[in-house]
Protein backbone atom coordinates (compact mmCIF):
# COMPACT_ATOMS: atom_id res chain seq x y z
CA UNK A 1 -12.76 -28.15 -9.28
CA UNK A 2 -15.01 -25.36 -8.07
CA UNK A 3 -15.40 -22.69 -5.53
CA UNK A 4 -17.93 -23.87 -3.04
CA UNK A 5 -18.29 -21.32 -0.23
CA UNK A 6 -17.26 -17.59 0.28
CA UNK A 7 -17.11 -16.29 3.76
CA UNK A 8 -16.69 -12.58 4.49
CA UNK A 9 -16.66 -10.53 7.69
CA UNK A 10 -15.62 -7.39 9.26
CA UNK A 11 -13.64 -6.60 12.38
CA UNK A 12 -13.03 -3.16 14.00
CA UNK A 13 -9.32 -3.20 15.38
CA UNK A 14 -7.57 -0.75 17.54
CA UNK A 15 -4.33 0.87 16.64
CA UNK A 16 -1.49 0.51 19.30
CA UNK A 17 -0.28 3.90 18.12
CA UNK A 18 -2.92 6.35 17.01
CA UNK A 19 -1.61 8.86 14.41
CA UNK A 20 -2.50 11.93 12.40
CA UNK A 21 -1.99 13.05 8.86
CA UNK A 22 -2.66 16.33 7.12
CA UNK A 23 -6.42 15.56 6.81
CA UNK A 24 -7.50 13.30 9.78
CA UNK A 25 -6.61 11.34 12.84
CA UNK A 26 -6.93 7.70 13.33
CA UNK A 27 -7.24 5.28 16.31
CA UNK A 28 -9.03 2.33 14.84
CA UNK A 29 -9.73 0.67 11.54
CA UNK A 30 -12.28 -1.42 10.12
CA UNK A 31 -11.00 -4.37 8.40
CA UNK A 32 -12.71 -6.88 6.14
CA UNK A 33 -11.72 -10.50 5.65
CA UNK A 34 -12.52 -13.10 2.81
CA UNK A 35 -12.03 -16.76 2.73
CA UNK A 36 -12.81 -18.63 -0.64
CA UNK A 37 -13.09 -22.52 -0.09
CA UNK A 38 -13.35 -25.16 -2.88
CA UNK A 39 -15.16 -28.60 -2.63
CA UNK A 40 -11.69 -30.16 -2.42
CA UNK A 41 -10.91 -28.14 0.68
CA UNK A 42 -8.36 -25.63 -0.85
CA UNK A 43 -8.80 -22.12 0.47
CA UNK A 44 -7.79 -18.66 -0.46
CA UNK A 45 -7.86 -15.45 1.69
CA UNK A 46 -7.88 -11.82 1.23
CA UNK A 47 -8.51 -8.53 3.13
CA UNK A 48 -9.73 -5.08 2.67
CA UNK A 49 -9.10 -1.71 4.40
CA UNK A 50 -11.33 0.89 2.68
CA UNK A 51 -10.88 4.58 3.55
CA UNK A 52 -13.33 7.11 1.91
CA UNK A 53 -10.50 9.60 1.33
CA UNK A 54 -8.29 7.30 -0.37
CA UNK A 55 -10.26 4.42 -2.06
CA UNK A 56 -13.38 6.35 -2.46
CA UNK A 57 -15.56 3.90 -0.64
CA UNK A 58 -16.97 3.67 2.72
CA UNK A 59 -16.88 0.59 5.04
CA UNK A 60 -20.50 0.08 4.51
CA UNK A 61 -19.95 -0.11 0.75
CA UNK A 62 -17.28 -2.66 1.22
CA UNK A 63 -19.27 -4.80 3.30
CA UNK A 64 -22.40 -4.57 0.89
CA UNK A 65 -20.16 -5.39 -1.99
CA UNK A 66 -18.49 -8.41 -0.30
CA UNK A 67 -21.73 -9.75 0.93
CA UNK A 68 -23.24 -9.66 -2.45
CA UNK A 69 -20.24 -11.89 -3.51
CA UNK A 70 -21.17 -14.51 -1.03
CA UNK A 71 -24.09 -15.74 -3.05
CA UNK A 72 -23.31 -15.11 -6.58
CA UNK A 73 -20.53 -14.16 -8.72
CA UNK A 74 -17.69 -16.76 -7.88
CA UNK A 75 -19.68 -19.57 -6.46
CA UNK A 76 -19.18 -22.56 -8.80
CA UNK A 77 -16.27 -20.91 -10.77
CA UNK A 78 -13.15 -23.04 -11.22
CA UNK A 79 -10.32 -21.27 -9.22
CA UNK A 80 -7.80 -22.56 -11.93
CA UNK A 81 -9.29 -20.16 -14.29
CA UNK A 82 -7.49 -17.29 -12.38
CA UNK A 83 -7.46 -14.63 -15.08
CA UNK A 84 -11.06 -15.08 -15.97
CA UNK A 85 -12.23 -14.88 -12.46
CA UNK A 86 -10.11 -11.85 -11.71
CA UNK A 87 -11.46 -10.04 -14.65
CA UNK A 88 -15.12 -10.93 -13.70
CA UNK A 89 -14.60 -9.57 -10.14
CA UNK A 90 -13.06 -6.41 -11.64
CA UNK A 91 -15.98 -5.80 -13.96
CA UNK A 92 -18.39 -6.05 -11.12
CA UNK A 93 -16.52 -4.12 -8.26
CA UNK A 94 -14.98 -1.12 -9.94
CA UNK A 95 -16.85 1.12 -7.64
CA UNK A 96 -15.36 -0.55 -4.49
CA UNK A 97 -11.71 -1.07 -5.09
CA UNK A 98 -10.96 -2.18 -1.37
CA UNK A 99 -13.57 -5.11 -1.95
CA UNK A 100 -12.17 -5.83 -5.45
CA UNK A 101 -8.68 -6.00 -3.81
CA UNK A 102 -9.67 -8.56 -1.13
CA UNK A 103 -11.41 -10.88 -3.69
CA UNK A 104 -8.57 -10.53 -6.17
CA UNK A 105 -5.73 -11.40 -3.71
CA UNK A 106 -7.94 -14.30 -2.37
CA UNK A 107 -8.17 -15.66 -6.05
CA UNK A 108 -4.56 -15.35 -6.39
CA UNK A 109 -3.85 -16.98 -2.92
CA UNK A 110 -6.30 -19.87 -3.68
CA UNK A 111 -4.68 -20.55 -7.11
CA UNK A 112 -1.15 -20.55 -5.65
CA UNK A 113 -2.17 -22.98 -3.02
CA UNK A 114 -3.60 -25.20 -5.55
CA UNK A 115 -0.52 -25.32 -7.59
CA UNK A 116 1.79 -25.14 -4.52
CA UNK A 117 3.80 -22.16 -5.32
CA UNK A 118 4.38 -18.59 -3.53
CA UNK A 119 2.56 -16.00 -5.49
CA UNK A 120 5.89 -14.01 -6.19
CA UNK A 121 7.26 -17.07 -8.07
CA UNK A 122 4.03 -17.41 -10.05
CA UNK A 123 4.32 -13.87 -11.08
CA UNK A 124 8.13 -13.92 -11.69
CA UNK A 125 10.48 -12.74 -8.70
CA UNK A 126 12.56 -9.75 -9.61
CA UNK A 127 13.75 -8.96 -6.05
CA UNK A 128 14.71 -11.24 -3.13
CA UNK A 129 13.74 -8.63 -0.43
CA UNK A 130 13.67 -4.83 0.06
CA UNK A 131 13.73 -2.46 3.05
CA UNK A 132 10.43 -0.83 4.15
CA UNK A 133 9.99 2.56 5.69
CA UNK A 134 8.06 3.08 8.80
CA UNK A 135 5.82 6.07 9.53
CA UNK A 136 5.88 8.67 11.81
CA UNK A 137 2.66 10.74 11.99
CA UNK A 138 2.20 14.42 12.53
CA UNK A 139 3.59 15.10 16.09
CA UNK A 140 5.59 17.48 17.88
CA UNK A 141 9.18 17.66 17.39
CA UNK A 142 10.09 15.99 20.59
CA UNK A 143 7.55 13.30 20.01
CA UNK A 144 8.87 12.64 16.33
CA UNK A 145 12.48 12.39 17.43
CA UNK A 146 11.54 10.06 20.20
CA UNK A 147 9.67 7.86 17.77
CA UNK A 148 12.45 7.97 15.26
CA UNK A 149 14.88 6.76 18.02
CA UNK A 150 12.59 3.71 18.74
CA UNK A 151 12.38 2.69 15.08
CA UNK A 152 16.00 2.97 14.52
CA UNK A 153 16.56 0.87 17.71
CA UNK A 154 14.17 -1.69 16.08
CA UNK A 155 16.28 -1.86 12.95
CA UNK A 156 14.44 0.28 10.47
CA UNK A 157 16.71 2.50 8.24
CA UNK A 158 14.02 4.39 6.30
CA UNK A 159 11.66 6.85 8.10
CA UNK A 160 8.41 8.20 6.29
CA UNK A 161 7.34 11.48 8.03
CA UNK A 162 3.79 12.79 7.66
CA UNK A 163 3.65 16.48 6.77
CA UNK A 164 1.29 18.96 5.20
CA UNK A 165 -0.08 21.14 7.88
CA UNK A 166 2.43 23.84 8.65
CA UNK A 167 5.33 24.10 6.34
CA UNK A 168 7.53 26.28 8.87
CA UNK A 169 7.14 23.89 11.56
CA UNK A 170 7.74 20.87 9.39
CA UNK A 171 11.03 22.28 7.83
CA UNK A 172 12.31 22.99 11.32
CA UNK A 173 11.16 19.42 12.47
CA UNK A 174 12.86 17.80 9.48
CA UNK A 175 16.09 19.71 10.12
CA UNK A 176 16.21 18.37 13.71
CA UNK A 177 15.29 14.92 12.60
CA UNK A 178 18.14 14.85 10.12
CA UNK A 179 20.60 16.19 12.62
CA UNK A 180 19.41 13.45 15.05
CA UNK A 181 19.55 10.34 12.66
CA UNK A 182 22.66 11.38 10.60
CA UNK A 183 23.17 10.92 6.80
CA UNK A 184 22.89 7.21 6.51
CA UNK A 185 19.22 6.94 7.39
CA UNK A 186 16.80 7.63 4.57
CA UNK A 187 13.96 10.19 5.28
CA UNK A 188 10.86 10.55 3.02
CA UNK A 189 8.03 12.88 3.52
CA UNK A 190 4.26 12.43 2.71
CA UNK A 191 2.11 15.68 2.62
CA UNK A 192 -1.00 13.74 1.59
CA UNK A 193 -2.13 16.71 -0.67
CA UNK A 194 -1.44 19.19 2.19
CA UNK A 195 1.01 21.67 0.21
CA UNK A 196 0.49 24.19 -2.39
CA UNK A 197 3.07 25.13 -5.03
CA UNK A 198 4.89 27.70 -3.00
CA UNK A 199 5.19 25.34 0.13
CA UNK A 200 6.45 22.62 -2.11
CA UNK A 201 8.98 24.82 -3.73
CA UNK A 202 10.13 26.11 -0.19
CA UNK A 203 10.57 22.47 0.93
CA UNK A 204 12.68 21.75 -2.10
CA UNK A 205 14.83 24.73 -1.37
CA UNK A 206 15.86 22.93 1.75
CA UNK A 207 16.83 19.64 -0.05
CA UNK A 208 20.54 20.16 0.24
CA UNK A 209 20.46 20.12 3.98
CA UNK A 210 17.54 17.63 4.48
CA UNK A 211 18.61 15.17 1.70
CA UNK A 212 14.85 13.74 1.39
CA UNK A 213 14.66 10.51 -0.43
CA UNK A 214 11.32 11.22 -1.84
CA UNK A 215 8.26 13.55 -1.53
CA UNK A 216 5.03 11.92 -1.63
CA UNK A 217 1.88 13.65 -2.97
CA UNK A 218 2.65 17.07 -2.11
CA UNK A 219 -0.17 18.81 -4.12
CA UNK A 220 -4.01 18.00 -4.34
CA UNK A 221 -4.67 15.07 -6.86
CA UNK A 222 -6.26 17.09 -9.34
CA UNK A 223 -3.46 19.70 -9.91
CA UNK A 224 -1.17 17.81 -12.35
CA UNK A 225 -0.79 20.79 -14.56
CA UNK A 226 0.61 22.74 -11.59
CA UNK A 227 2.81 19.83 -10.60
CA UNK A 228 4.46 19.82 -14.04
CA UNK A 229 5.63 23.38 -13.42
CA UNK A 230 7.83 22.26 -10.54
CA UNK A 231 11.73 21.76 -11.38
CA UNK A 232 12.44 18.53 -13.22
CA UNK A 233 14.97 17.37 -10.45
CA UNK A 234 12.14 17.80 -7.91
CA UNK A 235 9.47 16.02 -9.91
CA UNK A 236 11.81 13.05 -10.16
CA UNK A 237 11.52 12.55 -6.21
CA UNK A 238 7.79 13.01 -6.28
CA UNK A 239 5.72 9.88 -5.63
CA UNK A 240 2.24 10.15 -6.95
CA UNK A 241 -0.16 8.55 -4.41
CA UNK A 242 -3.75 10.09 -4.33
CA UNK A 243 -3.30 10.90 -8.08
CA UNK A 244 -2.78 7.29 -9.04
CA UNK A 245 -5.64 4.79 -8.91
CA UNK A 246 -5.22 2.70 -12.12
CA UNK A 247 -3.12 2.05 -15.15
CA UNK A 248 -4.58 4.98 -17.03
CA UNK A 249 -3.66 7.43 -14.32
CA UNK A 250 -0.17 5.93 -14.44
CA UNK A 251 -0.04 6.80 -18.28
CA UNK A 252 -1.27 10.22 -17.61
CA UNK A 253 1.45 10.76 -15.07
CA UNK A 254 4.13 9.44 -17.36
CA UNK A 255 3.11 11.92 -20.10
CA UNK A 256 5.79 14.51 -20.64
CA UNK A 257 6.59 16.65 -19.02
CA UNK A 258 6.25 13.92 -16.36
CA UNK A 259 4.32 14.95 -13.20
CA UNK A 260 6.45 12.47 -11.04
CA UNK A 261 9.31 9.92 -11.03
CA UNK A 262 7.59 7.46 -8.88
CA UNK A 263 4.14 5.75 -8.81
CA UNK A 264 2.88 4.79 -5.32
CA UNK A 265 0.83 1.47 -5.73
CA UNK A 266 -1.71 0.58 -3.07
CA UNK A 267 -3.74 -2.37 -3.55
CA UNK A 268 -6.71 -0.90 -1.77
CA UNK A 269 -6.76 1.97 -4.40
CA UNK A 270 -6.24 0.00 -7.51
CA UNK A 271 -8.34 -3.23 -6.69
CA UNK A 272 -5.61 -5.88 -5.99
CA UNK A 273 -2.88 -7.66 -7.47
CA UNK A 274 -4.11 -7.95 -11.14
CA UNK A 275 -4.65 -4.02 -11.44
CA UNK A 276 -1.41 -3.42 -9.51
CA UNK A 277 0.55 -5.34 -12.11
CA UNK A 278 -0.90 -3.39 -14.98
CA UNK A 279 0.43 -0.22 -13.15
CA UNK A 280 3.76 -1.99 -12.92
CA UNK A 281 3.71 -2.61 -16.64
CA UNK A 282 3.07 1.05 -17.32
CA UNK A 283 6.03 1.89 -15.09
CA UNK A 284 8.37 -0.64 -16.78
CA UNK A 285 7.34 0.75 -20.34
CA UNK A 286 7.92 4.38 -19.19
CA UNK A 287 11.00 4.04 -17.02
CA UNK A 288 9.19 5.37 -13.77
CA UNK A 289 9.89 3.84 -10.52
CA UNK A 290 7.44 2.09 -8.14
CA UNK A 291 6.70 2.56 -4.54
CA UNK A 292 4.23 0.17 -2.80
CA UNK A 293 2.22 1.65 0.05
CA UNK A 294 -0.65 0.74 2.29
CA UNK A 295 -3.02 1.86 4.94
CA UNK A 296 -3.54 0.11 8.10
CA UNK A 297 -4.09 -3.45 7.02
CA UNK A 298 -3.92 -7.07 7.96
CA UNK A 299 -0.71 -8.99 7.12
CA UNK A 300 -2.92 -10.74 4.43
CA UNK A 301 -3.09 -7.71 2.27
CA UNK A 302 0.46 -6.38 3.17
CA UNK A 303 1.72 -9.81 2.03
CA UNK A 304 -0.20 -9.54 -1.28
CA UNK A 305 1.35 -6.29 -2.03
CA UNK A 306 4.93 -7.49 -1.03
CA UNK A 307 4.62 -10.47 -3.35
CA UNK A 308 3.52 -8.14 -6.20
CA UNK A 309 6.14 -5.62 -5.27
CA UNK A 310 9.03 -8.16 -5.57
CA UNK A 311 7.70 -9.50 -8.73
CA UNK A 312 8.06 -5.88 -10.48
CA UNK A 313 11.35 -4.92 -11.79
CA UNK A 314 10.69 -1.20 -11.41
CA UNK A 315 10.01 -1.52 -7.62
CA UNK A 316 12.48 0.76 -5.72
CA UNK A 317 10.79 1.73 -2.57
CA UNK A 318 8.48 -0.20 0.01
CA UNK A 319 6.24 1.40 2.63
CA UNK A 320 4.51 -1.68 3.85
CA UNK A 321 4.26 -1.06 7.65
CA UNK A 322 0.40 -1.08 8.00
CA UNK A 323 0.15 -4.22 9.99
CA UNK A 324 2.60 -3.29 12.61
CA UNK A 325 0.31 -1.10 14.73
CA UNK A 326 -2.73 -3.37 14.67
CA UNK A 327 -3.54 -4.29 18.45
CA UNK A 328 -4.56 -7.80 16.93
CA UNK A 329 -4.70 -9.43 13.74
CA UNK A 330 -6.64 -12.59 12.75
CA UNK A 331 -4.16 -13.37 10.19
CA UNK A 332 -0.51 -14.57 10.81
CA UNK A 333 2.54 -15.36 8.66
CA UNK A 334 3.20 -13.85 5.20
CA UNK A 335 6.51 -12.35 5.63
CA UNK A 336 9.54 -11.78 7.82
CA UNK A 337 10.76 -8.46 8.97
CA UNK A 338 14.35 -8.31 10.09
CA UNK A 339 16.34 -5.08 10.37
CA UNK A 340 13.73 -3.10 8.45
CA UNK A 341 13.71 -5.49 5.43
CA UNK A 342 10.81 -7.49 4.20
CA UNK A 343 11.01 -10.97 2.84
CA UNK A 344 8.22 -13.23 1.65
CA UNK A 345 7.88 -16.81 3.29
CA UNK A 346 8.59 -19.92 1.09
CA UNK A 347 5.10 -21.08 1.38
CA UNK A 348 2.23 -21.52 -1.22
CA UNK A 349 0.06 -18.47 -2.05
CA UNK A 350 0.40 -15.58 0.25
CA UNK A 351 1.98 -17.55 3.08
CA UNK A 352 -0.63 -16.60 5.65
CA UNK A 353 -3.15 -18.37 7.87
CA UNK A 354 -6.43 -16.69 8.75
CA UNK A 355 -8.40 -17.49 11.94
CA UNK A 356 -12.26 -17.60 12.47
CA UNK A 357 -14.33 -14.43 12.90
CA UNK A 358 -14.07 -12.74 16.16
CA UNK A 359 -17.04 -13.43 18.40
């Protein structure tokens, strides 16, 4: 058995709900799709969502890397040699982790379709299902409260709020939000590197009233020394995002005094399922917890992250809402979402179907 063809393409997809974070605003996203097909007719699919600020690669770089793969590296490879092919892709696409992620998940999907098992079962399931948060971008207080009302009505019980621009306004907004939703709803915040040490301390001083579930990447990625000066109880609630790209970063973050208590894995940052599992092994060895995040992504890559997340014992948090605001998605399936809880489908591989390129 061998991989006979590789098809890749890009689609620009509008967001139904444009949003802002501390560094930029977004209204559309460039998504890339991969289809691997064997001479026996088996196929595996993957998707990439590059972002220069997060993955360190531009959409043009992703496109060039995937186009190069169409004619070389994997053609003729035996998809049953999963580990060898994933390693080969990683060795050649280290500079473009989103492109790496798309091919890595496509290889995992293809292998699992051949052996007829869901990916999470191949990896070894640790969790049946977990709740996901849903994200509120940087907005006015009234807009944030209205959006929270909408999400709670849709069954979500965990809200992630983007902050990082104005600590005074954001503390006031979070007080209003906590009053609005009550003590049973989880509130987590994501500063996207937008705070300094003093602002982070000020937010922590309000923890008794706000009862934040976690604080994602409050300081710039390069300030681990400063992060380690914060109180230990605060650092336990810090989720490292932009500071974490690969397993070696996880090992650095775990060095005592620990810079954080939570590692936020994004497949687009680390390069797919294989590198994500390596980070998960570091977490298991050091006792750190795992959060699984995303950008605006197709259900393909959200499903890949969910399968990997449910296979890792240290997973405690999901933030896998990235496909919910796409105006369209050429892929379908992958998971169910009910009352804010994500569950994989009992189908081989990632459990997704991918249509043809948009004309």
